[in-house]
């Protein structure tokens, strides 16, 4: 199996705490499929990669359940895919994100925009 990392979309970054969160866009050329929303969390030297999921409620038990957005029927192929995403994802992020430590323009600000104050109508 072969995969290509198309892009990493950072959502949160703190270089002082060595923390980075975002999602990966992965392309699977053999089956011509895009896999978007692969969750990435890096805290110091620890990495977490998670496949995209949806949350729902089991109608019989009422418990919250996770449904995978993408998976192969063959479990071994799923394991291989995740292993490749981890290997190539780490390399891609280290080369393309951490080599640009000062360029944070592509990462949205974590601060909320200030509310616009209503102006009183002034008659001139």
PDB file of N, CA and C in Angstrom:
ATOM      1  N   UNK A   1       0.842  -1.175   0.000  1.00  0.00           N
ATOM      2  CA  UNK A   1       0.000   0.000   0.000  1.00  0.00           C
ATOM      3  C   UNK A   1       0.884   1.233   0.000  1.00  0.00           C
ATOM      4  N   UNK A   2       0.434   2.239  -0.720  1.00  0.00           N
ATOM      5  CA  UNK A   2       1.165   3.490  -0.763  1.00  0.00           C
ATOM      6  C   UNK A   2       0.207   4.617  -0.405  1.00  0.00           C
ATOM      7  N   UNK A   3       0.719   5.615   0.301  1.00  0.00           N
ATOM      8  CA  UNK A   3      -0.085   6.799   0.617  1.00  0.00           C
ATOM      9  C   UNK A   3       0.747   8.041   0.359  1.00  0.00           C
ATOM     10  N   UNK A   4       0.063   9.154   0.165  1.00  0.00           N
ATOM     11  CA  UNK A   4       0.714  10.454   0.025  1.00  0.00           C
ATOM     12  C   UNK A   4       0.068  11.405   1.016  1.00  0.00           C
ATOM     13  N   UNK A   5       0.887  12.150   1.726  1.00  0.00           N
ATOM     14  CA  UNK A   5       0.357  13.185   2.609  1.00  0.00           C
ATOM     15  C   UNK A   5       0.180  14.423   1.747  1.00  0.00           C
ATOM     16  N   UNK A   6      -1.050  14.884   1.628  1.00  0.00           N
ATOM     17  CA  UNK A   6      -1.353  16.045   0.789  1.00  0.00           C
ATOM     18  C   UNK A   6      -1.115  17.332   1.560  1.00  0.00           C
ATOM     19  N   UNK A   7      -1.647  17.396   2.789  1.00  0.00           N
ATOM     20  CA  UNK A   7      -1.532  18.631   3.565  1.00  0.00           C
ATOM     21  C   UNK A   7      -1.797  18.344   5.030  1.00  0.00           C
ATOM     22  N   UNK A   8      -1.206  19.177   5.878  1.00  0.00           N
ATOM     23  CA  UNK A   8      -1.514  19.166   7.301  1.00  0.00           C
ATOM     24  C   UNK A   8      -2.159  20.499   7.621  1.00  0.00           C
ATOM     25  N   UNK A   9      -3.305  20.451   8.289  1.00  0.00           N
ATOM     26  CA  UNK A   9      -4.030  21.657   8.649  1.00  0.00           C
ATOM     27  C   UNK A   9      -3.960  21.855  10.158  1.00  0.00           C
ATOM     28  N   UNK A  10      -3.039  22.714  10.624  1.00  0.00           N
ATOM     29  CA  UNK A  10      -2.918  22.930  12.066  1.00  0.00           C
ATOM     30  C   UNK A  10      -4.092  23.742  12.596  1.00  0.00           C
ATOM     31  N   UNK A  11      -4.570  23.379  13.768  1.00  0.00           N
ATOM     32  CA  UNK A  11      -5.655  24.119  14.408  1.00  0.00           C
ATOM     33  C   UNK A  11      -5.199  24.792  15.698  1.00  0.00           C
ATOM     34  N   UNK A  12      -4.160  24.250  16.305  1.00  0.00           N
ATOM     35  CA  UNK A  12      -3.644  24.827  17.549  1.00  0.00           C
ATOM     36  C   UNK A  12      -2.161  24.530  17.642  1.00  0.00           C
ATOM     37  N   UNK A  13      -1.395  25.523  18.084  1.00  0.00           N
ATOM     38  CA  UNK A  13       0.052  25.347  18.184  1.00  0.00           C
ATOM     39  C   UNK A  13       0.587  26.186  19.328  1.00  0.00           C
ATOM     40  N   UNK A  14       1.464  25.598  20.113  1.00  0.00           N
ATOM     41  CA  UNK A  14       2.138  26.305  21.189  1.00  0.00           C
ATOM     42  C   UNK A  14       3.567  25.770  21.260  1.00  0.00           C
ATOM     43  N   UNK A  15       4.503  26.533  20.697  1.00  0.00           N
ATOM     44  CA  UNK A  15       5.896  26.083  20.634  1.00  0.00           C
ATOM     45  C   UNK A  15       6.535  26.002  22.016  1.00  0.00           C
ATOM     46  N   UNK A  16       6.115  26.866  22.946  1.00  0.00           N
ATOM     47  CA  UNK A  16       6.690  26.824  24.289  1.00  0.00           C
ATOM     48  C   UNK A  16       6.343  25.515  24.996  1.00  0.00           C
ATOM     49  N   UNK A  17       5.105  25.046  24.808  1.00  0.00           N
ATOM     50  CA  UNK A  17       4.663  23.794  25.419  1.00  0.00           C
ATOM     51  C   UNK A  17       4.944  22.596  24.521  1.00  0.00           C
ATOM     52  N   UNK A  18       5.513  22.836  23.348  1.00  0.00           N
ATOM     53  CA  UNK A  18       5.789  21.792  22.357  1.00  0.00           C
ATOM     54  C   UNK A  18       4.520  21.009  22.030  1.00  0.00           C
ATOM     55  N   UNK A  19       3.447  21.762  21.696  1.00  0.00           N
ATOM     56  CA  UNK A  19       2.150  21.164  21.424  1.00  0.00           C
ATOM     57  C   UNK A  19       1.656  21.604  20.055  1.00  0.00           C
ATOM     58  N   UNK A  20       1.076  20.651  19.334  1.00  0.00           N
ATOM     59  CA  UNK A  20       0.525  20.920  18.010  1.00  0.00           C
ATOM     60  C   UNK A  20      -0.692  20.026  17.805  1.00  0.00           C
ATOM     61  N   UNK A  21      -1.777  20.613  17.284  1.00  0.00           N
ATOM     62  CA  UNK A  21      -2.985  19.843  16.968  1.00  0.00           C
ATOM     63  C   UNK A  21      -3.440  20.224  15.567  1.00  0.00           C
ATOM     64  N   UNK A  22      -4.045  19.262  14.881  1.00  0.00           N
ATOM     65  CA  UNK A  22      -4.568  19.545  13.557  1.00  0.00           C
ATOM     66  C   UNK A  22      -5.070  18.275  12.890  1.00  0.00           C
ATOM     67  N   UNK A  23      -5.281  18.379  11.566  1.00  0.00           N
ATOM     68  CA  UNK A  23      -5.744  17.223  10.798  1.00  0.00           C
ATOM     69  C   UNK A  23      -4.908  17.051   9.541  1.00  0.00           C
ATOM     70  N   UNK A  24      -4.829  15.815   9.087  1.00  0.00           N
ATOM     71  CA  UNK A  24      -4.100  15.472   7.873  1.00  0.00           C
ATOM     72  C   UNK A  24      -5.063  15.151   6.740  1.00  0.00           C
ATOM     73  N   UNK A  25      -4.627  15.502   5.540  1.00  0.00           N
ATOM     74  CA  UNK A  25      -5.307  15.093   4.308  1.00  0.00           C
ATOM     75  C   UNK A  25      -4.382  14.073   3.659  1.00  0.00           C
ATOM     76  N   UNK A  26      -4.883  12.853   3.499  1.00  0.00           N
ATOM     77  CA  UNK A  26      -4.092  11.736   2.976  1.00  0.00           C
ATOM     78  C   UNK A  26      -4.721  11.257   1.670  1.00  0.00           C
ATOM     79  N   UNK A  27      -3.876  10.966   0.682  1.00  0.00           N
ATOM     80  CA  UNK A  27      -4.347  10.427  -0.594  1.00  0.00           C
ATOM     81  C   UNK A  27      -3.876   8.985  -0.728  1.00  0.00           C
ATOM     82  N   UNK A  28      -4.790   8.096  -1.134  1.00  0.00           N
ATOM     83  CA  UNK A  28      -4.473   6.687  -1.361  1.00  0.00           C
ATOM     84  C   UNK A  28      -4.527   6.439  -2.864  1.00  0.00           C
ATOM     85  N   UNK A  29      -3.381   6.492  -3.558  1.00  0.00           N
ATOM     86  CA  UNK A  29      -3.372   6.424  -5.023  1.00  0.00           C
ATOM     87  C   UNK A  29      -3.871   5.099  -5.602  1.00  0.00           C
ATOM     88  N   UNK A  30      -3.666   3.995  -4.908  1.00  0.00           N
ATOM     89  CA  UNK A  30      -4.084   2.692  -5.437  1.00  0.00           C
ATOM     90  C   UNK A  30      -5.593   2.622  -5.655  1.00  0.00           C
ATOM     91  N   UNK A  31      -6.347   3.231  -4.759  1.00  0.00           N
ATOM     92  CA  UNK A  31      -7.803   3.195  -4.894  1.00  0.00           C
ATOM     93  C   UNK A  31      -8.375   4.577  -5.240  1.00  0.00           C
ATOM     94  N   UNK A  32      -7.486   5.536  -5.484  1.00  0.00           N
ATOM     95  CA  UNK A  32      -7.864   6.907  -5.854  1.00  0.00           C
ATOM     96  C   UNK A  32      -8.868   7.486  -4.864  1.00  0.00           C
ATOM     97  N   UNK A  33      -8.460   7.492  -3.591  1.00  0.00           N
ATOM     98  CA  UNK A  33      -9.343   7.972  -2.528  1.00  0.00           C
ATOM     99  C   UNK A  33      -8.637   9.028  -1.682  1.00  0.00           C
ATOM    100  N   UNK A  34      -9.399  10.043  -1.285  1.00  0.00           N
ATOM    101  CA  UNK A  34      -8.941  11.052  -0.344  1.00  0.00           C
ATOM    102  C   UNK A  34      -9.441  10.678   1.037  1.00  0.00           C
ATOM    103  N   UNK A  35      -8.572  10.784   2.004  1.00  0.00           N
ATOM    104  CA  UNK A  35      -8.928  10.559   3.397  1.00  0.00           C
ATOM    105  C   UNK A  35      -8.625  11.865   4.120  1.00  0.00           C
ATOM    106  N   UNK A  36      -9.663  12.523   4.563  1.00  0.00           N
ATOM    107  CA  UNK A  36      -9.495  13.816   5.229  1.00  0.00           C
ATOM    108  C   UNK A  36      -9.919  13.715   6.683  1.00  0.00           C
ATOM    109  N   UNK A  37      -9.357  14.577   7.494  1.00  0.00           N
ATOM    110  CA  UNK A  37      -9.752  14.628   8.889  1.00  0.00           C
ATOM    111  C   UNK A  37      -9.038  13.654   9.797  1.00  0.00           C
ATOM    112  N   UNK A  38      -7.851  13.174   9.397  1.00  0.00           N
ATOM    113  CA  UNK A  38      -7.066  12.308  10.274  1.00  0.00           C
ATOM    114  C   UNK A  38      -6.538  13.192  11.405  1.00  0.00           C
ATOM    115  N   UNK A  39      -6.908  12.882  12.617  1.00  0.00           N
ATOM    116  CA  UNK A  39      -6.581  13.712  13.776  1.00  0.00           C
ATOM    117  C   UNK A  39      -5.124  13.525  14.174  1.00  0.00           C
ATOM    118  N   UNK A  40      -4.444  14.643  14.425  1.00  0.00           N
ATOM    119  CA  UNK A  40      -3.049  14.621  14.854  1.00  0.00           C
ATOM    120  C   UNK A  40      -2.906  15.477  16.110  1.00  0.00           C
ATOM    121  N   UNK A  41      -2.314  14.897  17.137  1.00  0.00           N
ATOM    122  CA  UNK A  41      -1.999  15.634  18.361  1.00  0.00           C
ATOM    123  C   UNK A  41      -0.560  15.300  18.726  1.00  0.00           C
ATOM    124  N   UNK A  42       0.258  16.352  18.880  1.00  0.00           N
ATOM    125  CA  UNK A  42       1.639  16.163  19.298  1.00  0.00           C
ATOM    126  C   UNK A  42       1.846  16.963  20.571  1.00  0.00           C
ATOM    127  N   UNK A  43       2.290  16.289  21.609  1.00  0.00           N
ATOM    128  CA  UNK A  43       2.623  16.944  22.864  1.00  0.00           C
ATOM    129  C   UNK A  43       4.010  16.485  23.277  1.00  0.00           C
ATOM    130  N   UNK A  44       4.933  17.424  23.240  1.00  0.00           N
ATOM    131  CA  UNK A  44       6.352  17.145  23.466  1.00  0.00           C
ATOM    132  C   UNK A  44       6.815  16.074  22.489  1.00  0.00           C
ATOM    133  N   UNK A  45       7.234  14.910  22.963  1.00  0.00           N
ATOM    134  CA  UNK A  45       7.706  13.863  22.047  1.00  0.00           C
ATOM    135  C   UNK A  45       6.639  12.809  21.765  1.00  0.00           C
ATOM    136  N   UNK A  46       5.453  13.002  22.306  1.00  0.00           N
ATOM    137  CA  UNK A  46       4.378  12.032  22.148  1.00  0.00           C
ATOM    138  C   UNK A  46       3.453  12.435  20.990  1.00  0.00           C
ATOM    139  N   UNK A  47       3.125  11.478  20.132  1.00  0.00           N
ATOM    140  CA  UNK A  47       2.254  11.700  18.977  1.00  0.00           C
ATOM    141  C   UNK A  47       0.996  10.850  19.119  1.00  0.00           C
ATOM    142  N   UNK A  48      -0.129  11.379  18.642  1.00  0.00           N
ATOM    143  CA  UNK A  48      -1.368  10.612  18.536  1.00  0.00           C
ATOM    144  C   UNK A  48      -1.949  10.855  17.147  1.00  0.00           C
ATOM    145  N   UNK A  49      -2.273   9.788  16.442  1.00  0.00           N
ATOM    146  CA  UNK A  49      -2.934   9.862  15.148  1.00  0.00           C
ATOM    147  C   UNK A  49      -4.233   9.076  15.260  1.00  0.00           C
ATOM    148  N   UNK A  50      -5.341   9.680  14.871  1.00  0.00           N
ATOM    149  CA  UNK A  50      -6.636   9.012  14.954  1.00  0.00           C
ATOM    150  C   UNK A  50      -7.390   9.120  13.644  1.00  0.00           C
ATOM    151  N   UNK A  51      -7.993   8.021  13.253  1.00  0.00           N
ATOM    152  CA  UNK A  51      -8.789   8.017  12.034  1.00  0.00           C
ATOM    153  C   UNK A  51     -10.058   8.835  12.262  1.00  0.00           C
ATOM    154  N   UNK A  52     -10.574   9.445  11.196  1.00  0.00           N
ATOM    155  CA  UNK A  52     -11.786  10.253  11.355  1.00  0.00           C
ATOM    156  C   UNK A  52     -12.981   9.386  11.747  1.00  0.00           C
ATOM    157  N   UNK A  53     -13.774   9.883  12.687  1.00  0.00           N
ATOM    158  CA  UNK A  53     -14.940   9.148  13.188  1.00  0.00           C
ATOM    159  C   UNK A  53     -16.127  10.104  13.311  1.00  0.00           C
ATOM    160  N   UNK A  54     -17.289   9.520  13.385  1.00  0.00           N
ATOM    161  CA  UNK A  54     -18.520  10.245  13.697  1.00  0.00           C
ATOM    162  C   UNK A  54     -19.035   9.673  15.019  1.00  0.00           C
ATOM    163  N   UNK A  55     -19.717  10.506  15.767  1.00  0.00           N
ATOM    164  CA  UNK A  55     -20.298  10.048  17.021  1.00  0.00           C
ATOM    165  C   UNK A  55     -21.803   9.931  16.854  1.00  0.00           C
ATOM    166  N   UNK A  56     -22.359   8.926  17.478  1.00  0.00           N
ATOM    167  CA  UNK A  56     -23.797   8.709  17.421  1.00  0.00           C
ATOM    168  C   UNK A  56     -24.260   8.050  18.701  1.00  0.00           C
ATOM    169  N   UNK A  57     -25.530   7.682  18.720  1.00  0.00           N
ATOM    170  CA  UNK A  57     -26.109   7.045  19.888  1.00  0.00           C
ATOM    171  C   UNK A  57     -26.655   5.685  19.491  1.00  0.00           C
ATOM    172  N   UNK A  58     -26.290   4.674  20.250  1.00  0.00           N
ATOM    173  CA  UNK A  58     -26.812   3.333  20.028  1.00  0.00           C
ATOM    174  C   UNK A  58     -28.290   3.351  20.402  1.00  0.00           C
ATOM    175  N   UNK A  59     -29.150   2.991  19.451  1.00  0.00           N
ATOM    176  CA  UNK A  59     -30.594   3.066  19.692  1.00  0.00           C
ATOM    177  C   UNK A  59     -31.083   2.096  20.749  1.00  0.00           C
ATOM    178  N   UNK A  60     -30.389   0.988  20.924  1.00  0.00           N
ATOM    179  CA  UNK A  60     -30.820  -0.005  21.916  1.00  0.00           C
ATOM    180  C   UNK A  60     -30.355   0.335  23.327  1.00  0.00           C
ATOM    181  N   UNK A  61     -29.082   0.755  23.461  1.00  0.00           N
ATOM    182  CA  UNK A  61     -28.530   1.013  24.798  1.00  0.00           C
ATOM    183  C   UNK A  61     -28.551   2.490  25.182  1.00  0.00           C
ATOM    184  N   UNK A  62     -28.627   3.373  24.187  1.00  0.00           N
ATOM    185  CA  UNK A  62     -28.596   4.806  24.469  1.00  0.00           C
ATOM    186  C   UNK A  62     -27.201   5.331  24.735  1.00  0.00           C
ATOM    187  N   UNK A  63     -26.184   4.473  24.590  1.00  0.00           N
ATOM    188  CA  UNK A  63     -24.807   4.882  24.834  1.00  0.00           C
ATOM    189  C   UNK A  63     -24.216   5.568  23.607  1.00  0.00           C
ATOM    190  N   UNK A  64     -23.257   6.428  23.857  1.00  0.00           N
ATOM    191  CA  UNK A  64     -22.553   7.102  22.771  1.00  0.00           C
ATOM    192  C   UNK A  64     -21.595   6.111  22.107  1.00  0.00           C
ATOM    193  N   UNK A  65     -21.581   6.088  20.776  1.00  0.00           N
ATOM    194  CA  UNK A  65     -20.695   5.192  20.035  1.00  0.00           C
ATOM    195  C   UNK A  65     -19.963   5.974  18.953  1.00  0.00           C
ATOM    196  N   UNK A  66     -18.824   5.426  18.533  1.00  0.00           N
ATOM    197  CA  UNK A  66     -18.020   6.030  17.472  1.00  0.00           C
ATOM    198  C   UNK A  66     -18.146   5.169  16.217  1.00  0.00           C
ATOM    199  N   UNK A  67     -18.375   5.828  15.092  1.00  0.00           N
ATOM    200  CA  UNK A  67     -18.457   5.139  13.819  1.00  0.00           C
ATOM    201  C   UNK A  67     -17.290   5.588  12.953  1.00  0.00           C
ATOM    202  N   UNK A  68     -16.495   4.659  12.425  1.00  0.00           N
ATOM    203  CA  UNK A  68     -15.381   5.072  11.558  1.00  0.00           C
ATOM    204  C   UNK A  68     -15.911   5.653  10.244  1.00  0.00           C
ATOM    205  N   UNK A  69     -15.252   6.700   9.775  1.00  0.00           N
ATOM    206  CA  UNK A  69     -15.632   7.322   8.510  1.00  0.00           C
ATOM    207  C   UNK A  69     -15.042   6.558   7.329  1.00  0.00           C
ATOM    208  N   UNK A  70     -13.955   5.847   7.569  1.00  0.00           N
ATOM    209  CA  UNK A  70     -13.281   5.101   6.504  1.00  0.00           C
ATOM    210  C   UNK A  70     -12.602   3.898   7.129  1.00  0.00           C
ATOM    211  N   UNK A  71     -12.763   2.750   6.500  1.00  0.00           N
ATOM    212  CA  UNK A  71     -12.002   1.580   6.929  1.00  0.00           C
ATOM    213  C   UNK A  71     -12.043   0.534   5.833  1.00  0.00           C
ATOM    214  N   UNK A  72     -11.014  -0.297   5.829  1.00  0.00           N
ATOM    215  CA  UNK A  72     -10.978  -1.446   4.940  1.00  0.00           C
ATOM    216  C   UNK A  72     -11.669  -2.607   5.639  1.00  0.00           C
ATOM    217  N   UNK A  73     -12.219  -3.512   4.868  1.00  0.00           N
ATOM    218  CA  UNK A  73     -12.829  -4.703   5.451  1.00  0.00           C
ATOM    219  C   UNK A  73     -11.750  -5.571   6.089  1.00  0.00           C
ATOM    220  N   UNK A  74     -10.588  -5.620   5.470  1.00  0.00           N
ATOM    221  CA  UNK A  74      -9.449  -6.380   5.966  1.00  0.00           C
ATOM    222  C   UNK A  74      -8.763  -5.595   7.092  1.00  0.00           C
ATOM    223  N   UNK A  75      -8.787  -6.130   8.306  1.00  0.00           N
ATOM    224  CA  UNK A  75      -8.196  -5.445   9.459  1.00  0.00           C
ATOM    225  C   UNK A  75      -6.695  -5.199   9.298  1.00  0.00           C
ATOM    226  N   UNK A  76      -6.004  -6.125   8.641  1.00  0.00           N
ATOM    227  CA  UNK A  76      -4.563  -5.964   8.434  1.00  0.00           C
ATOM    228  C   UNK A  76      -4.274  -4.742   7.547  1.00  0.00           C
ATOM    229  N   UNK A  77      -5.135  -4.497   6.554  1.00  0.00           N
ATOM    230  CA  UNK A  77      -4.966  -3.310   5.713  1.00  0.00           C
ATOM    231  C   UNK A  77      -5.171  -2.039   6.526  1.00  0.00           C
ATOM    232  N   UNK A  78      -6.117  -2.060   7.462  1.00  0.00           N
ATOM    233  CA  UNK A  78      -6.326  -0.904   8.330  1.00  0.00           C
ATOM    234  C   UNK A  78      -5.090  -0.631   9.176  1.00  0.00           C
ATOM    235  N   UNK A  79      -4.520  -1.690   9.744  1.00  0.00           N
ATOM    236  CA  UNK A  79      -3.309  -1.532  10.558  1.00  0.00           C
ATOM    237  C   UNK A  79      -2.167  -0.981   9.722  1.00  0.00           C
ATOM    238  N   UNK A  80      -2.025  -1.490   8.492  1.00  0.00           N
ATOM    239  CA  UNK A  80      -0.968  -1.013   7.600  1.00  0.00           C
ATOM    240  C   UNK A  80      -1.182   0.454   7.249  1.00  0.00           C
ATOM    241  N   UNK A  81      -2.431   0.836   6.985  1.00  0.00           N
ATOM    242  CA  UNK A  81      -2.740   2.228   6.655  1.00  0.00           C
ATOM    243  C   UNK A  81      -2.383   3.145   7.812  1.00  0.00           C
ATOM    244  N   UNK A  82      -2.784   2.795   9.005  1.00  0.00           N
ATOM    245  CA  UNK A  82      -2.487   3.630  10.166  1.00  0.00           C
ATOM    246  C   UNK A  82      -0.979   3.740  10.391  1.00  0.00           C
ATOM    247  N   UNK A  83      -0.278   2.620  10.239  1.00  0.00           N
ATOM    248  CA  UNK A  83       1.183   2.627  10.399  1.00  0.00           C
ATOM    249  C   UNK A  83       1.830   3.581   9.387  1.00  0.00           C
ATOM    250  N   UNK A  84       1.388   3.545   8.133  1.00  0.00           N
ATOM    251  CA  UNK A  84       1.930   4.433   7.108  1.00  0.00           C
ATOM    252  C   UNK A  84       1.589   5.890   7.387  1.00  0.00           C
ATOM    253  N   UNK A  85       0.379   6.144   7.844  1.00  0.00           N
ATOM    254  CA  UNK A  85      -0.020   7.519   8.169  1.00  0.00           C
ATOM    255  C   UNK A  85       0.851   8.067   9.289  1.00  0.00           C
ATOM    256  N   UNK A  86       1.124   7.253  10.295  1.00  0.00           N
ATOM    257  CA  UNK A  86       1.969   7.700  11.405  1.00  0.00           C
ATOM    258  C   UNK A  86       3.377   8.009  10.917  1.00  0.00           C
ATOM    259  N   UNK A  87       3.977   7.096  10.154  1.00  0.00           N
ATOM    260  CA  UNK A  87       5.346   7.297   9.673  1.00  0.00           C
ATOM    261  C   UNK A  87       5.446   8.519   8.760  1.00  0.00           C
ATOM    262  N   UNK A  88       4.615   8.545   7.728  1.00  0.00           N
ATOM    263  CA  UNK A  88       4.701   9.636   6.751  1.00  0.00           C
ATOM    264  C   UNK A  88       4.165  10.941   7.318  1.00  0.00           C
ATOM    265  N   UNK A  89       3.178  10.851   8.201  1.00  0.00           N
ATOM    266  CA  UNK A  89       2.623  12.054   8.813  1.00  0.00           C
ATOM    267  C   UNK A  89       3.638  12.770   9.685  1.00  0.00           C
ATOM    268  N   UNK A  90       4.359  12.017  10.519  1.00  0.00           N
ATOM    269  CA  UNK A  90       5.399  12.618  11.359  1.00  0.00           C
ATOM    270  C   UNK A  90       6.461  13.299  10.505  1.00  0.00           C
ATOM    271  N   UNK A  91       6.923  12.593   9.470  1.00  0.00           N
ATOM    272  CA  UNK A  91       7.943  13.168   8.586  1.00  0.00           C
ATOM    273  C   UNK A  91       7.448  14.452   7.928  1.00  0.00           C
ATOM    274  N   UNK A  92       6.231  14.404   7.403  1.00  0.00           N
ATOM    275  CA  UNK A  92       5.673  15.571   6.714  1.00  0.00           C
ATOM    276  C   UNK A  92       5.558  16.762   7.661  1.00  0.00           C
ATOM    277  N   UNK A  93       5.013  16.523   8.842  1.00  0.00           N
ATOM    278  CA  UNK A  93       4.831  17.614   9.799  1.00  0.00           C
ATOM    279  C   UNK A  93       6.168  18.166  10.264  1.00  0.00           C
ATOM    280  N   UNK A  94       7.122  17.297  10.564  1.00  0.00           N
ATOM    281  CA  UNK A  94       8.437  17.765  11.008  1.00  0.00           C
ATOM    282  C   UNK A  94       9.131  18.585   9.936  1.00  0.00           C
ATOM    283  N   UNK A  95       9.021  18.173   8.677  1.00  0.00           N
ATOM    284  CA  UNK A  95       9.680  18.909   7.589  1.00  0.00           C
ATOM    285  C   UNK A  95       8.966  20.202   7.242  1.00  0.00           C
ATOM    286  N   UNK A  96       7.640  20.186   7.198  1.00  0.00           N
ATOM    287  CA  UNK A  96       6.890  21.324   6.690  1.00  0.00           C
ATOM    288  C   UNK A  96       6.354  22.276   7.741  1.00  0.00           C
ATOM    289  N   UNK A  97       6.204  21.845   8.945  1.00  0.00           N
ATOM    290  CA  UNK A  97       5.667  22.717   9.988  1.00  0.00           C
ATOM    291  C   UNK A  97       6.768  23.205  10.913  1.00  0.00           C
ATOM    292  N   UNK A  98       7.559  22.294  11.466  1.00  0.00           N
ATOM    293  CA  UNK A  98       8.555  22.702  12.438  1.00  0.00           C
ATOM    294  C   UNK A  98       9.773  23.353  11.814  1.00  0.00           C
ATOM    295  N   UNK A  99       9.933  23.237  10.512  1.00  0.00           N
ATOM    296  CA  UNK A  99      11.024  23.958   9.873  1.00  0.00           C
ATOM    297  C   UNK A  99      10.662  25.431   9.700  1.00  0.00           C
ATOM    298  N   UNK A 100       9.397  25.767   9.906  1.00  0.00           N
ATOM    299  CA  UNK A 100       8.920  27.142   9.767  1.00  0.00           C
ATOM    300  C   UNK A 100       8.457  27.681  11.117  1.00  0.00           C
ATOM    301  N   UNK A 101       9.289  27.582  12.121  1.00  0.00           N
ATOM    302  CA  UNK A 101       8.890  27.947  13.482  1.00  0.00           C
ATOM    303  C   UNK A 101       8.354  29.366  13.600  1.00  0.00           C
ATOM    304  N   UNK A 102       8.904  30.294  12.841  1.00  0.00           N
ATOM    305  CA  UNK A 102       8.479  31.683  12.971  1.00  0.00           C
ATOM    306  C   UNK A 102       7.278  32.016  12.101  1.00  0.00           C
ATOM    307  N   UNK A 103       6.970  31.184  11.108  1.00  0.00           N
ATOM    308  CA  UNK A 103       5.861  31.467  10.207  1.00  0.00           C
ATOM    309  C   UNK A 103       4.597  30.800  10.732  1.00  0.00           C
ATOM    310  N   UNK A 104       3.815  31.552  11.468  1.00  0.00           N
ATOM    311  CA  UNK A 104       2.599  31.004  12.058  1.00  0.00           C
ATOM    312  C   UNK A 104       1.360  31.611  11.395  1.00  0.00           C
ATOM    313  N   UNK A 105       1.511  32.238  10.249  1.00  0.00           N
ATOM    314  CA  UNK A 105       0.395  32.912   9.599  1.00  0.00           C
ATOM    315  C   UNK A 105      -0.698  31.943   9.181  1.00  0.00           C
ATOM    316  N   UNK A 106      -0.349  30.700   8.877  1.00  0.00           N
ATOM    317  CA  UNK A 106      -1.342  29.736   8.407  1.00  0.00           C
ATOM    318  C   UNK A 106      -2.170  29.150   9.538  1.00  0.00           C
ATOM    319  N   UNK A 107      -1.807  29.430  10.777  1.00  0.00           N
ATOM    320  CA  UNK A 107      -2.525  28.870  11.916  1.00  0.00           C
ATOM    321  C   UNK A 107      -3.488  29.924  12.448  1.00  0.00           C
ATOM    322  N   UNK A 108      -4.777  29.591  12.533  1.00  0.00           N
ATOM    323  CA  UNK A 108      -5.736  30.574  13.026  1.00  0.00           C
ATOM    324  C   UNK A 108      -5.419  31.004  14.448  1.00  0.00           C
ATOM    325  N   UNK A 109      -5.727  32.245  14.732  1.00  0.00           N
ATOM    326  CA  UNK A 109      -5.500  32.777  16.067  1.00  0.00           C
ATOM    327  C   UNK A 109      -6.409  32.092  17.065  1.00  0.00           C
ATOM    328  N   UNK A 110      -5.873  31.829  18.246  1.00  0.00           N
ATOM    329  CA  UNK A 110      -6.674  31.197  19.285  1.00  0.00           C
ATOM    330  C   UNK A 110      -7.511  32.238  20.022  1.00  0.00           C
ATOM    331  N   UNK A 111      -7.208  33.513  19.837  1.00  0.00           N
ATOM    332  CA  UNK A 111      -7.956  34.562  20.517  1.00  0.00           C
ATOM    333  C   UNK A 111      -9.271  34.791  19.789  1.00  0.00           C
ATOM    334  N   UNK A 112     -10.307  35.025  20.571  1.00  0.00           N
ATOM    335  CA  UNK A 112     -11.595  35.337  19.973  1.00  0.00           C
ATOM    336  C   UNK A 112     -11.580  36.797  19.526  1.00  0.00           C
ATOM    337  N   UNK A 113     -12.233  37.097  18.402  1.00  0.00           N
ATOM    338  CA  UNK A 113     -12.260  38.484  17.959  1.00  0.00           C
ATOM    339  C   UNK A 113     -13.044  39.339  18.952  1.00  0.00           C
ATOM    340  N   UNK A 114     -12.620  40.570  19.083  1.00  0.00           N
ATOM    341  CA  UNK A 114     -13.311  41.481  19.988  1.00  0.00           C
ATOM    342  C   UNK A 114     -14.678  41.807  19.421  1.00  0.00           C
ATOM    343  N   UNK A 115     -15.630  41.933  20.299  1.00  0.00           N
ATOM    344  CA  UNK A 115     -16.984  42.267  19.871  1.00  0.00           C
ATOM    345  C   UNK A 115     -17.008  43.706  19.372  1.00  0.00           C
ATOM    346  N   UNK A 116     -17.781  43.922  18.339  1.00  0.00           N
ATOM    347  CA  UNK A 116     -17.929  45.270  17.796  1.00  0.00           C
ATOM    348  C   UNK A 116     -18.990  45.979  18.623  1.00  0.00           C
ATOM    349  N   UNK A 117     -18.622  47.132  19.160  1.00  0.00           N
ATOM    350  CA  UNK A 117     -19.552  47.887  19.984  1.00  0.00           C
ATOM    351  C   UNK A 117     -20.551  48.607  19.084  1.00  0.00           C
ATOM    352  N   UNK A 118     -21.787  48.618  19.528  1.00  0.00           N
ATOM    353  CA  UNK A 118     -22.802  49.354  18.785  1.00  0.00           C
ATOM    354  C   UNK A 118     -22.548  50.833  18.956  1.00  0.00           C
ATOM    355  N   UNK A 119     -22.657  51.533  17.854  1.00  0.00           N
ATOM    356  CA  UNK A 119     -22.504  52.981  17.923  1.00  0.00           C
ATOM    357  C   UNK A 119     -23.878  53.600  18.017  1.00  0.00           C
ATOM    358  N   UNK A 120     -23.967  54.644  18.802  1.00  0.00           N
ATOM    359  CA  UNK A 120     -25.231  55.366  18.926  1.00  0.00           C
ATOM    360  C   UNK A 120     -25.458  56.165  17.663  1.00  0.00           C
ATOM    361  N   UNK A 121     -26.705  56.268  17.275  1.00  0.00           N
ATOM    362  CA  UNK A 121     -27.027  57.082  16.111  1.00  0.00           C
ATOM    363  C   UNK A 121     -26.792  58.546  16.465  1.00  0.00           C
ATOM    364  N   UNK A 122     -26.020  59.185  15.661  1.00  0.00           N
ATOM    365  CA  UNK A 122     -25.695  60.591  15.907  1.00  0.00           C
ATOM    366  C   UNK A 122     -26.297  61.400  14.759  1.00  0.00           C
ATOM    367  N   UNK A 123     -27.109  62.345  15.107  1.00  0.00           N
ATOM    368  CA  UNK A 123     -27.690  63.224  14.090  1.00  0.00           C
ATOM    369  C   UNK A 123     -26.759  64.397  13.853  1.00  0.00           C
ATOM    370  N   UNK A 124     -26.475  64.638  12.618  1.00  0.00           N
ATOM    371  CA  UNK A 124     -25.573  65.747  12.292  1.00  0.00           C
ATOM    372  C   UNK A 124     -26.352  66.870  11.698  1.00  0.00           C
TER     373      UNK A 124
END
